[in-house]
Amino acid sequence: MNPQTKFGLIIGLIGLLINTFVAAALGICGPAVALIVGAAAGFLAANEKKAAMKSESAKIGATSGLIAGGLVFIGQVVGAILALVLLQSTGLPTIFGVAPSLSEEVSFQLAYYISGVGLGMCFGAVDLVASALGGAGAGYLAGGARSQTSESL
C-alpha cells in the first residue's frame, strides 16, 4: 500500500473518532481537527515516500491529507447527528430555538435532522479543504530539499 493511502487511512480513522466527539460537543471546531489530521497524514506520507522535489512532496501530502479528510468528514456528519440526538433527548435549549420533542410530527423531526446533516456536510466540506491544505503544507515541509539546479551539478 502506498504511503498516501496508508497514512491517510490510519490517521484519518483516528481523526474520525476524535472529530465525531468534537463535532458532537463543538461543531465549529471540526475544521481545526481536520487541519491537524491532514498535516499529520501529509507529513508522515511525504517523509516515508522521500520525493526528490518539494512540490512532489506537497502533492503526496495533499493526497494523504485528502484521504484523511474524507474520514474526518464522516466524523463531522456523525457528530452532527449525535449532537441533534443529544439536544432532542435532553431538551437543552439551542441557539436557534427548541428541538422538536419526540412526540412531534415526523415532518418536523425529519426537517430537524435533515438540516443538521446538511450543516454537518457543510462543515465537512471545510474539513476536506483544511485537511488537504494541511497535508500539502506539511508534505512540502517534510519533502526533499533538492532543486532541479542542484541535481544537475
Protein backbone atom coordinates (compact mmCIF):
# COMPACT_ATOMS: atom_id res chain seq x y z
CA MET A 1 0.00 0.00 0.00
CA ASN A 2 1.41 3.39 -0.91
CA PRO A 3 2.21 5.84 1.90
CA GLN A 4 -0.51 8.32 0.89
CA THR A 5 -3.25 5.75 1.31
CA LYS A 6 -1.72 4.05 4.34
CA PHE A 7 -1.20 7.17 6.42
CA GLY A 8 -4.38 8.79 5.10
CA LEU A 9 -6.43 5.86 6.36
CA ILE A 10 -4.58 5.35 9.66
CA ILE A 11 -4.53 9.00 10.68
CA GLY A 12 -7.99 9.51 9.15
CA LEU A 13 -9.51 6.80 11.36
CA ILE A 14 -8.04 8.48 14.42
CA GLY A 15 -9.41 11.80 13.15
CA LEU A 16 -12.83 10.25 12.53
CA LEU A 17 -13.06 9.16 16.16
CA ILE A 18 -11.79 12.46 17.54
CA ASN A 19 -13.94 14.58 15.24
CA THR A 20 -17.09 12.59 15.99
CA PHE A 21 -16.90 13.65 19.63
CA VAL A 22 -15.57 17.14 18.91
CA ALA A 23 -18.36 17.76 16.39
CA ALA A 24 -20.97 16.46 18.82
CA ALA A 25 -19.74 18.86 21.50
CA LEU A 26 -18.50 21.84 19.44
CA GLY A 27 -19.34 21.51 15.75
CA ILE A 28 -17.34 24.52 14.66
CA CYS A 29 -14.05 23.04 15.88
CA GLY A 30 -14.10 20.23 13.31
CA PRO A 31 -12.01 22.10 10.71
CA ALA A 32 -9.23 22.57 13.28
CA VAL A 33 -9.18 18.81 13.86
CA ALA A 34 -9.13 18.26 10.09
CA LEU A 35 -6.19 20.62 9.65
CA ILE A 36 -4.15 18.81 12.29
CA VAL A 37 -5.09 15.36 10.99
CA GLY A 38 -4.34 16.33 7.38
CA ALA A 39 -0.99 17.80 8.36
CA ALA A 40 -0.02 14.68 10.31
CA ALA A 41 -1.00 12.35 7.47
CA GLY A 42 0.73 14.52 4.87
CA PHE A 43 3.92 14.81 6.88
CA LEU A 44 4.17 11.08 7.53
CA ALA A 45 3.40 10.13 3.92
CA ALA A 46 5.86 12.62 2.44
CA ASN A 47 8.51 11.64 4.95
CA GLU A 48 8.19 7.96 4.06
CA LYS A 49 7.97 8.45 0.29
CA LYS A 50 11.02 10.77 0.19
CA ALA A 51 10.31 12.55 -3.08
CA ALA A 52 13.18 14.48 -4.63
CA MET A 53 11.25 17.73 -5.09
CA LYS A 54 9.31 19.68 -2.51
CA SER A 55 6.45 20.12 -4.98
CA GLU A 56 6.14 16.34 -5.30
CA SER A 57 6.15 16.03 -1.53
CA ALA A 58 3.36 18.62 -1.32
CA LYS A 59 1.27 16.56 -3.77
CA ILE A 60 1.89 13.41 -1.73
CA GLY A 61 0.91 15.27 1.44
CA ALA A 62 -2.21 16.75 -0.13
CA THR A 63 -3.36 13.32 -1.32
CA SER A 64 -2.80 11.78 2.08
CA GLY A 65 -4.46 14.73 3.80
CA LEU A 66 -7.47 14.49 1.50
CA ILE A 67 -7.90 10.79 2.27
CA ALA A 68 -7.71 11.54 6.00
CA GLY A 69 -10.08 14.47 5.49
CA GLY A 70 -12.66 12.17 3.92
CA LEU A 71 -12.78 10.17 7.13
CA VAL A 72 -12.89 13.34 9.22
CA PHE A 73 -15.83 14.43 7.03
CA ILE A 74 -17.70 11.28 8.05
CA GLY A 75 -16.92 12.02 11.69
CA GLN A 76 -18.28 15.55 11.26
CA VAL A 77 -21.62 14.28 9.94
CA VAL A 78 -21.90 11.56 12.60
CA GLY A 79 -21.04 14.12 15.28
CA ALA A 80 -23.73 16.48 13.99
CA ILE A 81 -26.32 13.72 14.23
CA LEU A 82 -25.16 12.83 17.75
CA ALA A 83 -25.46 16.48 18.77
CA LEU A 84 -29.02 16.62 17.43
CA VAL A 85 -29.97 13.43 19.26
CA LEU A 86 -28.46 14.81 22.47
CA LEU A 87 -30.30 18.11 22.14
CA GLN A 88 -33.58 16.41 21.36
CA SER A 89 -33.39 13.79 24.09
CA THR A 90 -32.30 16.16 26.88
CA GLY A 91 -34.44 19.13 25.91
CA LEU A 92 -31.50 21.52 26.24
CA PRO A 93 -32.13 24.95 24.77
CA THR A 94 -30.42 25.74 21.48
CA ILE A 95 -29.34 28.99 19.89
CA PHE A 96 -31.85 28.53 17.09
CA GLY A 97 -34.90 27.68 19.14
CA VAL A 98 -36.17 24.45 20.58
CA ALA A 99 -35.52 20.97 19.26
CA PRO A 100 -38.71 19.10 18.39
CA SER A 101 -39.90 16.74 21.08
CA LEU A 102 -40.15 13.03 20.41
CA SER A 103 -43.94 13.35 20.19
CA GLU A 104 -43.82 15.99 17.41
CA GLU A 105 -44.91 15.17 13.90
CA VAL A 106 -42.48 13.18 11.81
CA SER A 107 -42.13 16.01 9.29
CA PHE A 108 -40.76 18.37 11.98
CA GLN A 109 -38.31 15.78 13.21
CA LEU A 110 -37.26 14.94 9.67
CA ALA A 111 -36.61 18.60 8.85
CA TYR A 112 -34.64 18.92 12.11
CA TYR A 113 -32.34 16.03 11.23
CA ILE A 114 -32.00 16.85 7.53
CA SER A 115 -30.93 20.41 8.35
CA GLY A 116 -28.45 19.08 10.92
CA VAL A 117 -26.96 16.63 8.45
CA GLY A 118 -26.74 19.43 5.87
CA LEU A 119 -24.89 21.64 8.34
CA GLY A 120 -22.57 18.76 9.18
CA MET A 121 -21.86 18.28 5.49
CA CYS A 122 -21.06 21.98 5.07
CA PHE A 123 -18.55 21.83 7.92
CA GLY A 124 -17.32 18.53 6.45
CA ALA A 125 -16.57 20.26 3.15
CA VAL A 126 -14.47 22.79 5.04
CA ASP A 127 -12.81 19.82 6.77
CA LEU A 128 -11.82 18.35 3.39
CA VAL A 129 -10.22 21.58 2.23
CA ALA A 130 -8.45 22.14 5.55
CA SER A 131 -7.04 18.62 5.68
CA ALA A 132 -5.80 18.75 2.07
CA LEU A 133 -4.14 22.13 2.65
CA GLY A 134 -2.64 20.94 5.93
CA GLY A 135 -1.34 17.81 4.23
CA ALA A 136 0.14 19.78 1.34
CA GLY A 137 1.86 22.23 3.67
CA ALA A 138 3.27 19.54 5.93
CA GLY A 139 4.29 17.45 2.92
CA TYR A 140 6.11 20.45 1.46
CA LEU A 141 7.97 20.99 4.73
CA ALA A 142 8.86 17.31 5.04
CA GLY A 143 9.86 17.00 1.39
CA GLY A 144 13.20 16.81 -0.30
CA ALA A 145 15.29 19.95 -0.30
CA ARG A 146 16.92 19.34 -3.65
CA SER A 147 16.04 21.59 -6.54
CA GLN A 148 16.50 20.93 -10.24
CA THR A 149 19.55 23.16 -10.39
CA SER A 150 21.33 21.27 -7.61
CA GLU A 151 20.55 17.92 -9.28
CA SER A 152 22.29 18.98 -12.45
CA LEU A 153 25.53 19.78 -10.59
